[in-house]
Amino acid sequence: MSFQSYLDNIKTKTGKTPDDFKKLAVKKGFLKEGVKAGEIVGWLKKDFDLGHGHAMAIYSLLKGAKEKKETVEKNMAKHFAGGKSFWQPVFDSLLNNLKEFGDDIAVAPTNSYLSILRGERKMAIVRITSSHMEIGIKLKGVASTKRFNSADSWNTMMTHRVQVTSEKQVDKELMNWLRSAYEQNGGSM
């Protein structure tokens, strides 16, 4: 039996898709570090009456989701290591404000910066240093200002950049620029 056949049979039996199982696993805390395969397989057998093979098929999907999440978290942590740790709560506050725009905001860390995505589209980036956060904003057709400079060659995907040297600079003006970028960069790629 193919893997897809397992998933099709599980959906027929339970009415649940792999994404449904991922959401349930998150709610139950099964994607956290230290959760053993036996706990997840036992839950799937007990609550959904799945056989061992079908439960293992769902577990393999959840394991992949868990590994991806751990990798993202480790990559995020690198940006706030050592002398840059001061910026972690400031970034977290910025991210919480961004999430008020909509539930499609995500962070995708790279080696150099943190990409801020609306769905699959990059709308901003944040580079953390020990002295400041440098925020690139993708907002075409908007003139630069004294605070919001042209990104020029700093990052060719961004149109503007701003340096944040204190928590107070994550202010209404910055959030308005980011909201405009959010609105301009909506939809799928």
Protein backbone atom coordinates (compact mmCIF):
# COMPACT_ATOMS: atom_id res chain seq x y z
CA MET A 1 0.00 0.00 0.00
CA SER A 2 1.37 3.45 -0.91
CA PHE A 3 1.81 6.20 1.66
CA GLN A 4 -0.93 8.21 -0.03
CA SER A 5 -3.25 5.19 0.23
CA TYR A 6 -2.62 5.13 3.97
CA LEU A 7 -3.55 8.80 4.21
CA ASP A 8 -6.65 8.33 2.05
CA ASN A 9 -7.80 5.42 4.24
CA ILE A 10 -7.19 7.44 7.40
CA LYS A 11 -9.28 10.32 6.04
CA THR A 12 -12.08 7.91 5.10
CA LYS A 13 -12.03 6.33 8.57
CA THR A 14 -11.59 9.47 10.70
CA GLY A 15 -12.70 12.35 8.47
CA LYS A 16 -9.38 14.04 9.28
CA THR A 17 -6.66 15.26 6.92
CA PRO A 18 -2.95 15.32 7.78
CA ASP A 19 -3.30 19.06 8.56
CA ASP A 20 -6.16 18.27 10.97
CA PHE A 21 -3.90 15.81 12.79
CA LYS A 22 -1.10 18.39 12.93
CA LYS A 23 -3.42 20.95 14.51
CA LEU A 24 -4.65 18.42 17.07
CA ALA A 25 -1.08 17.34 17.85
CA VAL A 26 -0.07 20.96 18.44
CA LYS A 27 -3.02 21.47 20.83
CA LYS A 28 -2.03 18.32 22.75
CA GLY A 29 1.61 19.39 22.90
CA PHE A 30 2.88 16.46 20.83
CA LEU A 31 5.19 18.60 18.68
CA LYS A 32 7.20 19.76 21.69
CA GLU A 33 10.69 18.48 22.39
CA GLY A 34 10.90 15.20 24.28
CA VAL A 35 7.61 13.68 23.13
CA LYS A 36 8.17 10.02 22.23
CA ALA A 37 6.79 8.24 19.19
CA GLY A 38 4.94 5.77 21.44
CA GLU A 39 2.92 8.58 23.04
CA ILE A 40 1.75 9.88 19.68
CA VAL A 41 1.06 6.43 18.22
CA GLY A 42 -0.85 5.48 21.38
CA TRP A 43 -2.99 8.61 21.11
CA LEU A 44 -3.79 7.92 17.46
CA LYS A 45 -4.72 4.30 18.20
CA LYS A 46 -6.86 5.16 21.23
CA ASP A 47 -8.63 8.31 20.05
CA PHE A 48 -9.01 7.44 16.35
CA ASP A 49 -8.96 3.63 16.38
CA LEU A 50 -6.08 3.57 13.91
CA GLY A 51 -4.01 0.46 13.38
CA HIS A 52 -0.27 0.57 13.99
CA GLY A 53 0.68 1.17 10.33
CA HIS A 54 -1.83 3.98 9.90
CA ALA A 55 -0.78 5.58 13.20
CA MET A 56 2.87 5.40 12.11
CA ALA A 57 1.98 7.12 8.82
CA ILE A 58 0.50 10.07 10.75
CA TYR A 59 3.43 10.01 13.18
CA SER A 60 5.90 10.31 10.29
CA LEU A 61 4.09 13.44 9.09
CA LEU A 62 4.07 14.90 12.59
CA LYS A 63 7.76 14.09 13.06
CA GLY A 64 8.56 16.00 9.87
CA ALA A 65 6.54 19.00 11.13
CA LYS A 66 8.30 18.80 14.50
CA GLU A 67 11.77 18.65 12.93
CA LYS A 68 11.00 21.63 10.68
CA LYS A 69 9.72 23.63 13.68
CA GLU A 70 12.84 22.80 15.72
CA THR A 71 15.09 23.86 12.84
CA VAL A 72 13.26 27.21 12.50
CA GLU A 73 13.50 27.78 16.27
CA LYS A 74 17.24 27.00 16.28
CA ASN A 75 17.84 29.32 13.31
CA MET A 76 15.84 32.07 15.04
CA ALA A 77 17.88 31.67 18.23
CA LYS A 78 21.12 32.25 16.32
CA HIS A 79 20.00 35.78 15.49
CA PHE A 80 19.68 36.65 19.18
CA ALA A 81 22.81 34.91 20.51
CA GLY A 82 25.35 36.63 22.75
CA GLY A 83 25.34 40.42 22.70
CA LYS A 84 22.28 40.47 20.44
CA SER A 85 19.99 38.92 23.11
CA PHE A 86 18.81 42.40 24.12
CA TRP A 87 16.83 42.56 20.87
CA GLN A 88 14.81 39.37 21.39
CA PRO A 89 11.95 41.00 23.39
CA VAL A 90 11.93 43.99 21.04
CA PHE A 91 11.61 41.69 18.02
CA ASP A 92 8.94 39.62 19.79
CA SER A 93 6.95 42.79 20.45
CA LEU A 94 7.33 43.85 16.81
CA LEU A 95 6.16 40.42 15.66
CA ASN A 96 3.13 40.50 17.97
CA ASN A 97 2.17 43.89 16.52
CA LEU A 98 2.59 42.54 12.98
CA LYS A 99 0.33 39.57 13.74
CA GLU A 100 -2.48 42.03 14.49
CA PHE A 101 -2.51 42.79 10.74
CA GLY A 102 -3.68 39.24 9.97
CA ASP A 103 -3.11 35.57 10.71
CA ASP A 104 -0.91 35.12 7.63
CA ILE A 105 2.26 36.66 9.14
CA ALA A 106 5.21 34.28 9.48
CA VAL A 107 8.94 34.48 10.14
CA ALA A 108 11.45 32.61 8.00
CA PRO A 109 15.01 32.88 9.31
CA THR A 110 17.97 32.87 6.93
CA ASN A 111 21.63 32.95 7.88
CA SER A 112 21.73 36.75 7.53
CA TYR A 113 18.30 38.01 8.59
CA LEU A 114 14.75 37.16 9.56
CA SER A 115 12.27 37.33 6.69
CA ILE A 116 8.82 38.61 7.57
CA LEU A 117 6.30 36.96 5.28
CA ARG A 118 2.69 37.58 4.46
CA GLY A 119 1.71 34.12 3.35
CA GLU A 120 4.47 33.19 0.94
CA ARG A 121 5.46 36.78 0.10
CA LYS A 122 8.34 38.59 1.76
CA MET A 123 7.21 42.02 2.97
CA ALA A 124 10.10 42.89 5.30
CA ILE A 125 13.36 41.63 6.74
CA VAL A 126 15.03 42.21 10.09
CA ARG A 127 18.78 42.03 10.64
CA ILE A 128 19.90 41.93 14.27
CA THR A 129 23.20 43.39 15.43
CA SER A 130 24.41 44.05 18.96
CA SER A 131 23.63 47.78 18.59
CA HIS A 132 20.42 47.84 16.53
CA MET A 133 17.78 46.10 14.46
CA GLU A 134 17.87 47.00 10.82
CA ILE A 135 14.49 46.59 9.18
CA GLY A 136 14.06 46.38 5.43
CA ILE A 137 10.59 47.12 4.10
CA LYS A 138 9.21 46.20 0.69
CA LEU A 139 6.98 49.14 -0.21
CA LYS A 140 7.12 50.12 -3.87
CA GLY A 141 6.10 53.57 -5.05
CA VAL A 142 6.70 55.28 -1.71
CA ALA A 143 9.30 58.03 -1.41
CA SER A 144 12.09 57.72 1.12
CA THR A 145 12.10 59.93 4.20
CA LYS A 146 14.76 61.01 6.65
CA ARG A 147 13.96 57.98 8.85
CA PHE A 148 12.97 55.48 6.15
CA ASN A 149 15.92 55.52 3.75
CA SER A 150 16.19 53.85 0.39
CA ALA A 151 17.41 50.26 0.76
CA ASP A 152 19.55 50.70 -2.38
CA SER A 153 22.10 47.89 -2.50
CA TRP A 154 21.67 46.91 1.17
CA ASN A 155 19.04 44.38 0.09
CA THR A 156 17.71 44.52 -3.44
CA MET A 157 14.37 42.88 -2.52
CA MET A 158 13.57 45.73 -0.11
CA THR A 159 12.78 49.31 -1.08
CA HIS A 160 13.38 51.02 2.29
CA ARG A 161 15.35 50.44 5.45
CA VAL A 162 15.22 51.84 8.94
CA GLN A 163 17.50 51.38 11.93
CA VAL A 164 15.88 50.75 15.29
CA THR A 165 18.29 51.62 18.10
CA SER A 166 15.80 51.53 20.97
CA GLU A 167 12.58 49.79 21.85
CA LYS A 168 10.76 53.14 21.65
CA GLN A 169 11.42 53.27 17.91
CA VAL A 170 9.05 50.35 17.33
CA ASP A 171 6.40 53.04 17.17
CA LYS A 172 3.23 53.98 15.33
CA GLU A 173 5.15 55.39 12.35
CA LEU A 174 7.11 52.15 11.86
CA MET A 175 3.97 50.05 12.26
CA ASN A 176 2.15 52.23 9.68
CA TRP A 177 4.95 51.61 7.18
CA LEU A 178 4.82 47.88 7.88
CA ARG A 179 1.01 47.86 7.58
CA SER A 180 1.33 49.50 4.16
CA ALA A 181 3.87 46.84 3.16
CA TYR A 182 1.49 44.16 4.44
CA GLU A 183 -1.35 45.56 2.36
CA GLN A 184 0.80 46.01 -0.74
CA ASN A 185 2.28 42.51 -0.55
CA GLY A 186 -0.97 40.59 -0.11
CA GLY A 187 -2.08 37.58 -2.11
CA SER A 188 -0.12 34.58 -3.29
CA MET A 189 2.98 34.61 -5.46
